[in-house]
C-alpha atoms as a PDB file:
ATOM      1  CA  UNK A   1     111.935-134.455  18.151  1.00  0.00           C
ATOM      2  CA  UNK A   2     115.281-133.332  19.024  1.00  0.00           C
ATOM      3  CA  UNK A   3     116.920-129.975  18.044  1.00  0.00           C
ATOM      4  CA  UNK A   4     120.784-130.222  17.564  1.00  0.00           C
ATOM      5  CA  UNK A   5     121.726-127.071  16.023  1.00  0.00           C
ATOM      6  CA  UNK A   6     120.001-123.734  15.208  1.00  0.00           C
ATOM      7  CA  UNK A   7     119.064-122.607  11.778  1.00  0.00           C
ATOM      8  CA  UNK A   8     116.402-121.337   9.532  1.00  0.00           C
ATOM      9  CA  UNK A   9     113.268-123.490   8.859  1.00  0.00           C
ATOM     10  CA  UNK A  10     112.533-123.934   5.294  1.00  0.00           C
ATOM     11  CA  UNK A  11     111.031-126.411   2.649  1.00  0.00           C
ATOM     12  CA  UNK A  12     114.604-128.008   2.516  1.00  0.00           C
ATOM     13  CA  UNK A  13     115.451-128.113   6.032  1.00  0.00           C
ATOM     14  CA  UNK A  14     113.736-129.849   8.918  1.00  0.00           C
ATOM     15  CA  UNK A  15     115.615-128.987  12.104  1.00  0.00           C
ATOM     16  CA  UNK A  16     113.964-131.343  14.366  1.00  0.00           C
ATOM     17  CA  UNK A  17     115.362-134.978  14.278  1.00  0.00           C
ATOM     18  CA  UNK A  18     112.875-137.714  14.891  1.00  0.00           C
ATOM     19  CA  UNK A  19     114.889-140.121  17.070  1.00  0.00           C
ATOM     20  CA  UNK A  20     115.148-142.341  20.264  1.00  0.00           C
ATOM     21  CA  UNK A  21     116.628-140.696  23.586  1.00  0.00           C
ATOM     22  CA  UNK A  22     116.817-142.434  26.745  1.00  0.00           C
ATOM     23  CA  UNK A  23     113.572-142.110  28.970  1.00  0.00           C
ATOM     24  CA  UNK A  24     114.234-139.316  31.430  1.00  0.00           C
ATOM     25  CA  UNK A  25     114.424-140.185  35.085  1.00  0.00           C
ATOM     26  CA  UNK A  26     112.645-137.833  37.663  1.00  0.00           C
ATOM     27  CA  UNK A  27     115.120-136.406  40.385  1.00  0.00           C
ATOM     28  CA  UNK A  28     113.791-135.550  43.744  1.00  0.00           C
ATOM     29  CA  UNK A  29     110.632-133.581  43.941  1.00  0.00           C
ATOM     30  CA  UNK A  30     110.048-134.192  40.273  1.00  0.00           C
ATOM     31  CA  UNK A  31     107.491-135.852  38.336  1.00  0.00           C
ATOM     32  CA  UNK A  32     107.609-138.147  35.048  1.00  0.00           C
ATOM     33  CA  UNK A  33     104.911-137.334  32.552  1.00  0.00           C
ATOM     34  CA  UNK A  34     103.910-139.365  29.725  1.00  0.00           C
ATOM     35  CA  UNK A  35     103.014-137.067  27.114  1.00  0.00           C
ATOM     36  CA  UNK A  36      99.826-137.307  25.118  1.00  0.00           C
ATOM     37  CA  UNK A  37      99.767-133.603  23.332  1.00  0.00           C
ATOM     38  CA  UNK A  38     101.785-130.602  22.969  1.00  0.00           C
ATOM     39  CA  UNK A  39     101.044-127.454  21.322  1.00  0.00           C
ATOM     40  CA  UNK A  40     103.247-125.696  18.657  1.00  0.00           C
ATOM     41  CA  UNK A  41     104.148-122.150  19.688  1.00  0.00           C
ATOM     42  CA  UNK A  42     105.694-119.257  17.407  1.00  0.00           C
ATOM     43  CA  UNK A  43     108.374-119.128  20.296  1.00  0.00           C
ATOM     44  CA  UNK A  44     109.646-122.369  19.150  1.00  0.00           C
ATOM     45  CA  UNK A  45     110.371-120.975  15.704  1.00  0.00           C
ATOM     46  CA  UNK A  46     112.177-118.125  17.229  1.00  0.00           C
ATOM     47  CA  UNK A  47     113.977-120.458  19.389  1.00  0.00           C
ATOM     48  CA  UNK A  48     115.241-122.936  16.558  1.00  0.00           C
ATOM     49  CA  UNK A  49     116.014-119.855  14.226  1.00  0.00           C
ATOM     50  CA  UNK A  50     117.997-118.143  17.016  1.00  0.00           C
ATOM     51  CA  UNK A  51     115.993-114.951  17.721  1.00  0.00           C
ATOM     52  CA  UNK A  52     115.542-115.608  21.556  1.00  0.00           C
ATOM     53  CA  UNK A  53     118.194-116.369  24.120  1.00  0.00           C
ATOM     54  CA  UNK A  54     119.981-119.572  22.970  1.00  0.00           C
ATOM     55  CA  UNK A  55     118.389-122.923  24.073  1.00  0.00           C
ATOM     56  CA  UNK A  56     120.465-125.610  25.612  1.00  0.00           C
ATOM     57  CA  UNK A  57     121.593-128.072  22.669  1.00  0.00           C
ATOM     58  CA  UNK A  58     120.537-130.573  22.360  1.00  0.00           C
ATOM     59  CA  UNK A  59     117.203-129.862  23.465  1.00  0.00           C
ATOM     60  CA  UNK A  60     113.698-131.361  23.029  1.00  0.00           C
ATOM     61  CA  UNK A  61     111.281-128.385  22.385  1.00  0.00           C
ATOM     62  CA  UNK A  62     107.747-128.006  23.404  1.00  0.00           C
ATOM     63  CA  UNK A  63     106.144-125.928  26.275  1.00  0.00           C
ATOM     64  CA  UNK A  64     102.263-126.653  25.998  1.00  0.00           C
ATOM     65  CA  UNK A  65     102.591-129.998  27.324  1.00  0.00           C
ATOM     66  CA  UNK A  66      99.690-132.338  28.401  1.00  0.00           C
ATOM     67  CA  UNK A  67     100.098-135.736  29.763  1.00  0.00           C
ATOM     68  CA  UNK A  68      99.700-138.075  32.879  1.00  0.00           C
ATOM     69  CA  UNK A  69     101.992-138.588  35.775  1.00  0.00           C
ATOM     70  CA  UNK A  70     103.916-141.790  35.205  1.00  0.00           C
ATOM     71  CA  UNK A  71     106.089-141.633  38.278  1.00  0.00           C
ATOM     72  CA  UNK A  72     106.929-139.218  41.199  1.00  0.00           C
ATOM     73  CA  UNK A  73     103.306-138.244  42.146  1.00  0.00           C
ATOM     74  CA  UNK A  74      99.558-139.252  41.652  1.00  0.00           C
ATOM     75  CA  UNK A  75     100.064-142.039  38.900  1.00  0.00           C
ATOM     76  CA  UNK A  76      97.664-141.411  36.254  1.00  0.00           C
ATOM     77  CA  UNK A  77      96.757-137.807  37.065  1.00  0.00           C
ATOM     78  CA  UNK A  78      96.203-135.823  33.972  1.00  0.00           C
ATOM     79  CA  UNK A  79      98.395-132.730  34.095  1.00  0.00           C
ATOM     80  CA  UNK A  80      99.857-129.914  31.848  1.00  0.00           C
ATOM     81  CA  UNK A  81     103.433-128.018  31.977  1.00  0.00           C
ATOM     82  CA  UNK A  82     103.673-124.482  30.581  1.00  0.00           C
ATOM     83  CA  UNK A  83     106.683-122.261  29.616  1.00  0.00           C
ATOM     84  CA  UNK A  84     107.706-121.925  33.374  1.00  0.00           C
ATOM     85  CA  UNK A  85     109.626-125.003  34.087  1.00  0.00           C
ATOM     86  CA  UNK A  86     111.203-123.792  37.141  1.00  0.00           C
ATOM     87  CA  UNK A  87     112.150-120.738  39.295  1.00  0.00           C
ATOM     88  CA  UNK A  88     114.170-120.338  42.390  1.00  0.00           C
ATOM     89  CA  UNK A  89     111.060-119.908  44.999  1.00  0.00           C
ATOM     90  CA  UNK A  90     112.794-117.631  47.391  1.00  0.00           C
ATOM     91  CA  UNK A  91     113.608-114.379  45.461  1.00  0.00           C
ATOM     92  CA  UNK A  92     111.183-111.340  45.869  1.00  0.00           C
ATOM     93  CA  UNK A  93     109.478-111.989  42.583  1.00  0.00           C
ATOM     94  CA  UNK A  94     108.900-115.633  43.351  1.00  0.00           C
ATOM     95  CA  UNK A  95     107.313-114.691  46.912  1.00  0.00           C
ATOM     96  CA  UNK A  96     105.013-112.221  45.360  1.00  0.00           C
ATOM     97  CA  UNK A  97     103.702-114.724  42.964  1.00  0.00           C
ATOM     98  CA  UNK A  98     105.816-113.176  40.126  1.00  0.00           C
ATOM     99  CA  UNK A  99     107.995-116.174  39.488  1.00  0.00           C
ATOM    100  CA  UNK A 100     107.826-115.249  35.693  1.00  0.00           C
ATOM    101  CA  UNK A 101     110.292-112.376  36.590  1.00  0.00           C
ATOM    102  CA  UNK A 102     112.547-114.678  38.491  1.00  0.00           C
ATOM    103  CA  UNK A 103     116.110-114.391  37.487  1.00  0.00           C
ATOM    104  CA  UNK A 104     116.496-118.259  37.596  1.00  0.00           C
ATOM    105  CA  UNK A 105     113.476-118.607  35.394  1.00  0.00           C
ATOM    106  CA  UNK A 106     113.992-121.948  33.581  1.00  0.00           C
ATOM    107  CA  UNK A 107     112.023-122.156  30.431  1.00  0.00           C
ATOM    108  CA  UNK A 108     110.209-125.686  29.396  1.00  0.00           C
ATOM    109  CA  UNK A 109     111.775-126.831  25.780  1.00  0.00           C
ATOM    110  CA  UNK A 110     114.417-123.975  25.941  1.00  0.00           C
ATOM    111  CA  UNK A 111     116.643-124.560  29.154  1.00  0.00           C
ATOM    112  CA  UNK A 112     115.248-128.116  29.826  1.00  0.00           C
ATOM    113  CA  UNK A 113     113.676-130.687  27.560  1.00  0.00           C
ATOM    114  CA  UNK A 114     109.965-130.310  26.747  1.00  0.00           C
ATOM    115  CA  UNK A 115     107.113-131.949  25.263  1.00  0.00           C
ATOM    116  CA  UNK A 116     107.950-132.878  21.889  1.00  0.00           C
ATOM    117  CA  UNK A 117     108.778-136.343  23.190  1.00  0.00           C
ATOM    118  CA  UNK A 118     107.017-139.379  24.545  1.00  0.00           C
ATOM    119  CA  UNK A 119     108.235-138.544  28.257  1.00  0.00           C
ATOM    120  CA  UNK A 120     109.424-135.554  30.156  1.00  0.00           C
ATOM    121  CA  UNK A 121     110.405-134.515  33.667  1.00  0.00           C
ATOM    122  CA  UNK A 122     109.330-131.230  35.658  1.00  0.00           C
ATOM    123  CA  UNK A 123     109.364-130.074  39.109  1.00  0.00           C
ATOM    124  CA  UNK A 124     106.152-131.269  40.866  1.00  0.00           C
ATOM    125  CA  UNK A 125     105.302-127.384  41.836  1.00  0.00           C
ATOM    126  CA  UNK A 126     105.166-126.508  38.177  1.00  0.00           C
ATOM    127  CA  UNK A 127     102.793-129.069  37.112  1.00  0.00           C
ATOM    128  CA  UNK A 128      99.037-128.019  36.542  1.00  0.00           C
ATOM    129  CA  UNK A 129      96.217-130.155  36.965  1.00  0.00           C
ATOM    130  CA  UNK A 130      93.655-130.253  34.085  1.00  0.00           C
ATOM    131  CA  UNK A 131      89.856-129.940  34.419  1.00  0.00           C
ATOM    132  CA  UNK A 132      87.916-132.806  33.008  1.00  0.00           C
ATOM    133  CA  UNK A 133      85.879-130.529  30.774  1.00  0.00           C
ATOM    134  CA  UNK A 134      88.987-129.875  28.536  1.00  0.00           C
ATOM    135  CA  UNK A 135      90.379-132.695  26.280  1.00  0.00           C
ATOM    136  CA  UNK A 136      94.053-133.133  25.686  1.00  0.00           C
ATOM    137  CA  UNK A 137      94.179-131.277  22.444  1.00  0.00           C
ATOM    138  CA  UNK A 138      92.118-128.461  23.799  1.00  0.00           C
ATOM    139  CA  UNK A 139      94.129-128.111  26.996  1.00  0.00           C
ATOM    140  CA  UNK A 140      97.484-127.729  25.097  1.00  0.00           C
ATOM    141  CA  UNK A 141      97.284-124.429  23.547  1.00  0.00           C
ATOM    142  CA  UNK A 142      95.705-122.917  26.652  1.00  0.00           C
ATOM    143  CA  UNK A 143      98.958-123.684  28.647  1.00  0.00           C
ATOM    144  CA  UNK A 144     100.911-120.944  26.841  1.00  0.00           C
ATOM    145  CA  UNK A 145      98.896-119.133  23.912  1.00  0.00           C
ATOM    146  CA  UNK A 146      95.827-119.011  26.193  1.00  0.00           C
ATOM    147  CA  UNK A 147      97.536-118.442  29.586  1.00  0.00           C
ATOM    148  CA  UNK A 148      99.972-115.567  28.237  1.00  0.00           C
ATOM    149  CA  UNK A 149      97.003-113.904  26.628  1.00  0.00           C
ATOM    150  CA  UNK A 150      94.874-114.094  29.835  1.00  0.00           C
ATOM    151  CA  UNK A 151      97.663-112.207  31.556  1.00  0.00           C
ATOM    152  CA  UNK A 152      97.977-109.698  28.699  1.00  0.00           C
ATOM    153  CA  UNK A 153      94.317-109.348  29.019  1.00  0.00           C
ATOM    154  CA  UNK A 154      94.568-108.687  32.381  1.00  0.00           C
ATOM    155  CA  UNK A 155      97.158-106.079  31.999  1.00  0.00           C
ATOM    156  CA  UNK A 156      95.311-103.879  29.880  1.00  0.00           C
ATOM    157  CA  UNK A 157      92.961-102.764  32.765  1.00  0.00           C
ATOM    158  CA  UNK A 158      90.001-103.275  30.363  1.00  0.00           C
ATOM    159  CA  UNK A 159      86.689-102.209  31.584  1.00  0.00           C
ATOM    160  CA  UNK A 160      83.376-103.602  30.261  1.00  0.00           C
ATOM    161  CA  UNK A 161      82.112-101.506  27.474  1.00  0.00           C
ATOM    162  CA  UNK A 162      85.580-100.037  26.653  1.00  0.00           C
ATOM    163  CA  UNK A 163      86.994-100.970  22.936  1.00  0.00           C
ATOM    164  CA  UNK A 164      89.823-103.389  22.617  1.00  0.00           C
ATOM    165  CA  UNK A 165      91.947-103.785  19.788  1.00  0.00           C
ATOM    166  CA  UNK A 166      93.886-107.060  19.062  1.00  0.00           C
ATOM    167  CA  UNK A 167      97.117-106.876  16.639  1.00  0.00           C
ATOM    168  CA  UNK A 168      97.838-110.360  15.013  1.00  0.00           C
ATOM    169  CA  UNK A 169      95.349-113.073  15.282  1.00  0.00           C
ATOM    170  CA  UNK A 170      97.118-116.330  15.832  1.00  0.00           C
ATOM    171  CA  UNK A 171      97.136-118.965  18.792  1.00  0.00           C
ATOM    172  CA  UNK A 172      97.015-116.420  21.380  1.00  0.00           C
ATOM    173  CA  UNK A 173      94.856-113.445  20.427  1.00  0.00           C
ATOM    174  CA  UNK A 174      92.178-115.822  19.038  1.00  0.00           C
ATOM    175  CA  UNK A 175      91.847-116.910  22.565  1.00  0.00           C
ATOM    176  CA  UNK A 176      92.135-113.357  24.033  1.00  0.00           C
ATOM    177  CA  UNK A 177      89.141-112.587  21.712  1.00  0.00           C
ATOM    178  CA  UNK A 178      87.119-115.563  23.224  1.00  0.00           C
ATOM    179  CA  UNK A 179      88.025-114.653  26.962  1.00  0.00           C
ATOM    180  CA  UNK A 180      87.196-111.126  26.256  1.00  0.00           C
ATOM    181  CA  UNK A 181      83.832-111.747  24.910  1.00  0.00           C
ATOM    182  CA  UNK A 182      83.023-113.612  28.151  1.00  0.00           C
ATOM    183  CA  UNK A 183      84.501-111.184  30.709  1.00  0.00           C
ATOM    184  CA  UNK A 184      83.638-107.990  28.816  1.00  0.00           C
ATOM    185  CA  UNK A 185      80.360-108.833  27.000  1.00  0.00           C
ATOM    186  CA  UNK A 186      79.612-105.037  26.378  1.00  0.00           C
ATOM    187  CA  UNK A 187      83.249-104.130  24.669  1.00  0.00           C
ATOM    188  CA  UNK A 188      83.850-104.127  21.011  1.00  0.00           C
ATOM    189  CA  UNK A 189      86.755-105.992  19.962  1.00  0.00           C
ATOM    190  CA  UNK A 190      88.597-104.944  16.898  1.00  0.00           C
ATOM    191  CA  UNK A 191      91.063-107.153  15.130  1.00  0.00           C
ATOM    192  CA  UNK A 192      94.001-106.040  13.034  1.00  0.00           C
ATOM    193  CA  UNK A 193      95.764-108.537  10.993  1.00  0.00           C
ATOM    194  CA  UNK A 194      97.675-108.813   7.540  1.00  0.00           C
ATOM    195  CA  UNK A 195      96.297-112.234   7.073  1.00  0.00           C
ATOM    196  CA  UNK A 196      92.602-112.245   5.099  1.00  0.00           C
ATOM    197  CA  UNK A 197      92.136-115.742   6.471  1.00  0.00           C
ATOM    198  CA  UNK A 198      92.787-114.491  10.104  1.00  0.00           C
ATOM    199  CA  UNK A 199      90.454-111.560   9.634  1.00  0.00           C
ATOM    200  CA  UNK A 200      87.750-113.911   8.478  1.00  0.00           C
ATOM    201  CA  UNK A 201      88.322-116.075  11.339  1.00  0.00           C
ATOM    202  CA  UNK A 202      87.944-113.104  13.542  1.00  0.00           C
ATOM    203  CA  UNK A 203      84.619-112.055  12.314  1.00  0.00           C
ATOM    204  CA  UNK A 204      83.569-115.656  12.433  1.00  0.00           C
ATOM    205  CA  UNK A 205      84.449-115.802  16.065  1.00  0.00           C
ATOM    206  CA  UNK A 206      82.463-112.612  17.001  1.00  0.00           C
ATOM    207  CA  UNK A 207      84.814-109.620  16.293  1.00  0.00           C
ATOM    208  CA  UNK A 208      83.134-106.466  15.894  1.00  0.00           C
ATOM    209  CA  UNK A 209      85.248-105.300  13.312  1.00  0.00           C
ATOM    210  CA  UNK A 210      88.385-106.852  11.350  1.00  0.00           C
ATOM    211  CA  UNK A 211      90.941-104.833   9.146  1.00  0.00           C
ATOM    212  CA  UNK A 212      94.525-105.017   7.897  1.00  0.00           C
ATOM    213  CA  UNK A 213      97.135-103.780  10.238  1.00  0.00           C
ATOM    214  CA  UNK A 214      97.456-100.272   8.786  1.00  0.00           C
ATOM    215  CA  UNK A 215      93.689 -99.782   8.456  1.00  0.00           C
ATOM    216  CA  UNK A 216      91.806 -97.154  10.239  1.00  0.00           C
ATOM    217  CA  UNK A 217      89.594 -98.712  12.997  1.00  0.00           C
ATOM    218  CA  UNK A 218      85.893 -97.531  13.295  1.00  0.00           C
ATOM    219  CA  UNK A 219      86.570 -96.140  16.707  1.00  0.00           C
ATOM    220  CA  UNK A 220      89.617 -95.195  19.200  1.00  0.00           C
ATOM    221  CA  UNK A 221      90.982 -98.210  21.196  1.00  0.00           C
ATOM    222  CA  UNK A 222      90.839 -97.881  24.940  1.00  0.00           C
ATOM    223  CA  UNK A 223      93.348-100.737  25.258  1.00  0.00           C
ATOM    224  CA  UNK A 224      95.130-103.010  22.833  1.00  0.00           C
ATOM    225  CA  UNK A 225      97.159-106.078  22.705  1.00  0.00           C
ATOM    226  CA  UNK A 226     100.219-106.520  20.120  1.00  0.00           C
ATOM    227  CA  UNK A 227     100.923-110.228  19.754  1.00  0.00           C
ATOM    228  CA  UNK A 228     103.106-109.937  16.575  1.00  0.00           C
ATOM    229  CA  UNK A 229     106.942-110.236  16.270  1.00  0.00           C
ATOM    230  CA  UNK A 230     107.354-106.979  14.066  1.00  0.00           C
ATOM    231  CA  UNK A 231     107.500-103.361  15.272  1.00  0.00           C
ATOM    232  CA  UNK A 232     104.886-101.686  12.814  1.00  0.00           C
ATOM    233  CA  UNK A 233     101.800-103.217  14.421  1.00  0.00           C
ATOM    234  CA  UNK A 234     102.979-101.639  17.602  1.00  0.00           C
ATOM    235  CA  UNK A 235     103.178 -98.114  15.901  1.00  0.00           C
ATOM    236  CA  UNK A 236      99.750 -98.426  14.589  1.00  0.00           C
ATOM    237  CA  UNK A 237      98.445 -99.523  17.968  1.00  0.00           C
ATOM    238  CA  UNK A 238      99.883 -96.434  19.820  1.00  0.00           C
ATOM    239  CA  UNK A 239      98.461 -94.126  16.896  1.00  0.00           C
ATOM    240  CA  UNK A 240      94.820 -95.512  17.407  1.00  0.00           C
ATOM    241  CA  UNK A 241      94.803 -95.686  21.370  1.00  0.00           C
ATOM    242  CA  UNK A 242      92.299 -93.230  22.939  1.00  0.00           C
ATOM    243  CA  UNK A 243      93.933 -90.771  25.571  1.00  0.00           C
ATOM    244  CA  UNK A 244      94.916 -92.880  28.841  1.00  0.00           C
ATOM    245  CA  UNK A 245      94.793 -95.931  26.830  1.00  0.00           C
ATOM    246  CA  UNK A 246      97.414 -98.948  27.467  1.00  0.00           C
ATOM    247  CA  UNK A 247      99.131-101.052  24.696  1.00  0.00           C
ATOM    248  CA  UNK A 248     100.167-104.528  26.183  1.00  0.00           C
ATOM    249  CA  UNK A 249     103.011-106.136  23.716  1.00  0.00           C
ATOM    250  CA  UNK A 250     102.546-110.203  24.253  1.00  0.00           C
ATOM    251  CA  UNK A 251     105.629-111.102  22.452  1.00  0.00           C
ATOM    252  CA  UNK A 252     108.840-112.501  23.362  1.00  0.00           C
ATOM    253  CA  UNK A 253     110.987-110.522  20.949  1.00  0.00           C
ATOM    254  CA  UNK A 254     110.415-107.936  17.988  1.00  0.00           C
ATOM    255  CA  UNK A 255     111.921-108.707  14.654  1.00  0.00           C
ATOM    256  CA  UNK A 256     115.389-106.998  13.746  1.00  0.00           C
ATOM    257  CA  UNK A 257     114.540-106.445  10.068  1.00  0.00           C
ATOM    258  CA  UNK A 258     111.951-103.583  10.681  1.00  0.00           C
ATOM    259  CA  UNK A 259     113.367-102.105  13.988  1.00  0.00           C
ATOM    260  CA  UNK A 260     113.765 -98.736  12.007  1.00  0.00           C
ATOM    261  CA  UNK A 261     110.176 -98.283  12.447  1.00  0.00           C
ATOM    262  CA  UNK A 262     110.969 -97.788  16.049  1.00  0.00           C
ATOM    263  CA  UNK A 263     112.758 -94.603  15.280  1.00  0.00           C
ATOM    264  CA  UNK A 264     109.646 -92.968  13.754  1.00  0.00           C
ATOM    265  CA  UNK A 265     107.819 -92.995  17.063  1.00  0.00           C
ATOM    266  CA  UNK A 266     106.258 -89.418  17.335  1.00  0.00           C
ATOM    267  CA  UNK A 267     105.459 -88.310  20.922  1.00  0.00           C
ATOM    268  CA  UNK A 268     102.525 -86.396  20.254  1.00  0.00           C
ATOM    269  CA  UNK A 269     100.659 -89.074  18.115  1.00  0.00           C
ATOM    270  CA  UNK A 270     101.960 -92.075  19.708  1.00  0.00           C
ATOM    271  CA  UNK A 271     102.505 -91.253  23.477  1.00  0.00           C
ATOM    272  CA  UNK A 272     100.904 -87.918  24.231  1.00  0.00           C
ATOM    273  CA  UNK A 273      97.986 -87.952  26.622  1.00  0.00           C
ATOM    274  CA  UNK A 274      98.801 -90.455  28.934  1.00  0.00           C
ATOM    275  CA  UNK A 275      99.143 -93.538  26.669  1.00  0.00           C
ATOM    276  CA  UNK A 276     101.029 -96.380  28.047  1.00  0.00           C
ATOM    277  CA  UNK A 277     103.040 -99.248  26.732  1.00  0.00           C
ATOM    278  CA  UNK A 278     103.641-102.373  28.938  1.00  0.00           C
ATOM    279  CA  UNK A 279     105.182-105.838  28.214  1.00  0.00           C
ATOM    280  CA  UNK A 280     104.291-109.492  29.221  1.00  0.00           C
ATOM    281  CA  UNK A 281     107.051-111.440  30.204  1.00  0.00           C
ATOM    282  CA  UNK A 282     106.122-115.237  30.268  1.00  0.00           C
ATOM    283  CA  UNK A 283     103.574-116.478  32.687  1.00  0.00           C
ATOM    284  CA  UNK A 284     103.257-117.369  36.328  1.00  0.00           C
ATOM    285  CA  UNK A 285     101.648-120.550  37.806  1.00  0.00           C
ATOM    286  CA  UNK A 286      98.452-118.752  39.066  1.00  0.00           C
ATOM    287  CA  UNK A 287      98.002-117.384  35.237  1.00  0.00           C
ATOM    288  CA  UNK A 288      98.027-121.023  33.866  1.00  0.00           C
ATOM    289  CA  UNK A 289      95.722-122.226  36.742  1.00  0.00           C
ATOM    290  CA  UNK A 290      93.194-119.460  36.745  1.00  0.00           C
ATOM    291  CA  UNK A 291      92.941-119.495  32.897  1.00  0.00           C
ATOM    292  CA  UNK A 292      92.381-123.181  32.962  1.00  0.00           C
ATOM    293  CA  UNK A 293      89.562-123.021  35.382  1.00  0.00           C
ATOM    294  CA  UNK A 294      87.975-119.908  33.495  1.00  0.00           C
ATOM    295  CA  UNK A 295      88.261-121.824  30.094  1.00  0.00           C
ATOM    296  CA  UNK A 296      86.625-125.056  31.554  1.00  0.00           C
ATOM    297  CA  UNK A 297      83.698-123.050  33.010  1.00  0.00           C
ATOM    298  CA  UNK A 298      83.017-120.390  30.339  1.00  0.00           C
ATOM    299  CA  UNK A 299      83.454-123.256  27.335  1.00  0.00           C
ATOM    300  CA  UNK A 300      86.526-121.210  26.104  1.00  0.00           C
ATOM    301  CA  UNK A 301      88.045-123.590  23.560  1.00  0.00           C
ATOM    302  CA  UNK A 302      90.964-123.064  21.154  1.00  0.00           C
ATOM    303  CA  UNK A 303      90.664-123.623  17.328  1.00  0.00           C
ATOM    304  CA  UNK A 304      93.143-125.967  16.364  1.00  0.00           C
ATOM    305  CA  UNK A 305      94.920-128.267  13.800  1.00  0.00           C
ATOM    306  CA  UNK A 306      96.211-131.541  14.859  1.00  0.00           C
ATOM    307  CA  UNK A 307      99.683-133.375  13.752  1.00  0.00           C
ATOM    308  CA  UNK A 308     101.567-136.445  14.553  1.00  0.00           C
ATOM    309  CA  UNK A 309     104.663-135.949  16.568  1.00  0.00           C
ATOM    310  CA  UNK A 310     106.912-136.785  13.469  1.00  0.00           C
ATOM    311  CA  UNK A 311     105.140-133.974  11.640  1.00  0.00           C
ATOM    312  CA  UNK A 312     106.358-131.380  13.946  1.00  0.00           C
ATOM    313  CA  UNK A 313     108.832-129.831  11.284  1.00  0.00           C
ATOM    314  CA  UNK A 314     105.687-129.480   8.953  1.00  0.00           C
ATOM    315  CA  UNK A 315     103.724-127.878  11.809  1.00  0.00           C
ATOM    316  CA  UNK A 316     106.540-125.292  12.438  1.00  0.00           C
ATOM    317  CA  UNK A 317     106.987-124.336   8.603  1.00  0.00           C
ATOM    318  CA  UNK A 318     103.187-123.667   8.313  1.00  0.00           C
ATOM    319  CA  UNK A 319     103.302-121.701  11.309  1.00  0.00           C
ATOM    320  CA  UNK A 320     106.072-119.941   9.651  1.00  0.00           C
ATOM    321  CA  UNK A 321     104.413-119.471   6.367  1.00  0.00           C
ATOM    322  CA  UNK A 322     101.299-118.164   8.118  1.00  0.00           C
ATOM    323  CA  UNK A 323      98.993-121.081   7.329  1.00  0.00           C
ATOM    324  CA  UNK A 324      97.316-120.598  10.756  1.00  0.00           C
ATOM    325  CA  UNK A 325      93.695-121.048  11.931  1.00  0.00           C
ATOM    326  CA  UNK A 326      94.044-120.767  15.516  1.00  0.00           C
ATOM    327  CA  UNK A 327      96.613-123.151  17.035  1.00  0.00           C
ATOM    328  CA  UNK A 328      98.725-126.329  16.040  1.00  0.00           C
ATOM    329  CA  UNK A 329      98.930-129.354  18.428  1.00  0.00           C
ATOM    330  CA  UNK A 330     100.917-132.537  18.088  1.00  0.00           C
ATOM    331  CA  UNK A 331      99.377-135.840  19.108  1.00  0.00           C
ATOM    332  CA  UNK A 332     101.319-138.595  20.596  1.00  0.00           C
ATOM    333  CA  UNK A 333     100.080-142.310  20.641  1.00  0.00           C
END
């Protein structure tokens, strides 16, 4: 599924072209992967519609890739590829395990061809062996939605028994809920979403409370994660934070349309009493590998819907329309 030009996705426009391109050839220190599944991420919507740094065109999207090594490594080994396709390996960030902050960060499916295809190549250092306990479709959303949610949860500094608020309840935060319930069994997890179906799913998965974005929660939040592309949830999250609380923003961008909300930031109600705001930028390799191991051990599995590769445009449109129950996964024959 090839993206040749940027533009809005809607009922009358399918931006990805189902086509044949030459099979990629792995370079030195790269592996060739035969793709079996690829998660569909909201970031791909942002790439296609022009809200992120522009992708290299034409490009094959997809950065939650599961497949088997076909050349350049252990043939037949089942592996995953995440958002991080490569980094320089020698800067201060790379040497400290923070290659997600490297100035030469290369994004899978944006700066290099990704997993919406039968084959892809990637550096051998950036493939992740998959636990046998995870099926291909289960593993795909864990490589980005799960791993970046895991990083966000770790950055909240949550302690067991403290209340966590989740703003937005799509592919990432529904996995955060499952992870937090395992790691912090005495914590109440409160979910804020404008979508009634997402609120119902949150309660089904064990949230202590679920309400609309603007609703008053039953208790203050000691930590919060905002996984939405809008400004308004961030404002509500800050308002509901307890003194000393931390808000982690797990989003690659915030929409331009409602940026005026940021101008309504009130120091006393939003930031006073040592409240903090921290952003998440991509994922490092250790985030992916630690979360895959945790998910396999703890039985953390995504809720997901499957689509054939040629139906990627429909999956993206449904994602844009808010027709979401967990994650979306493309399957390849």
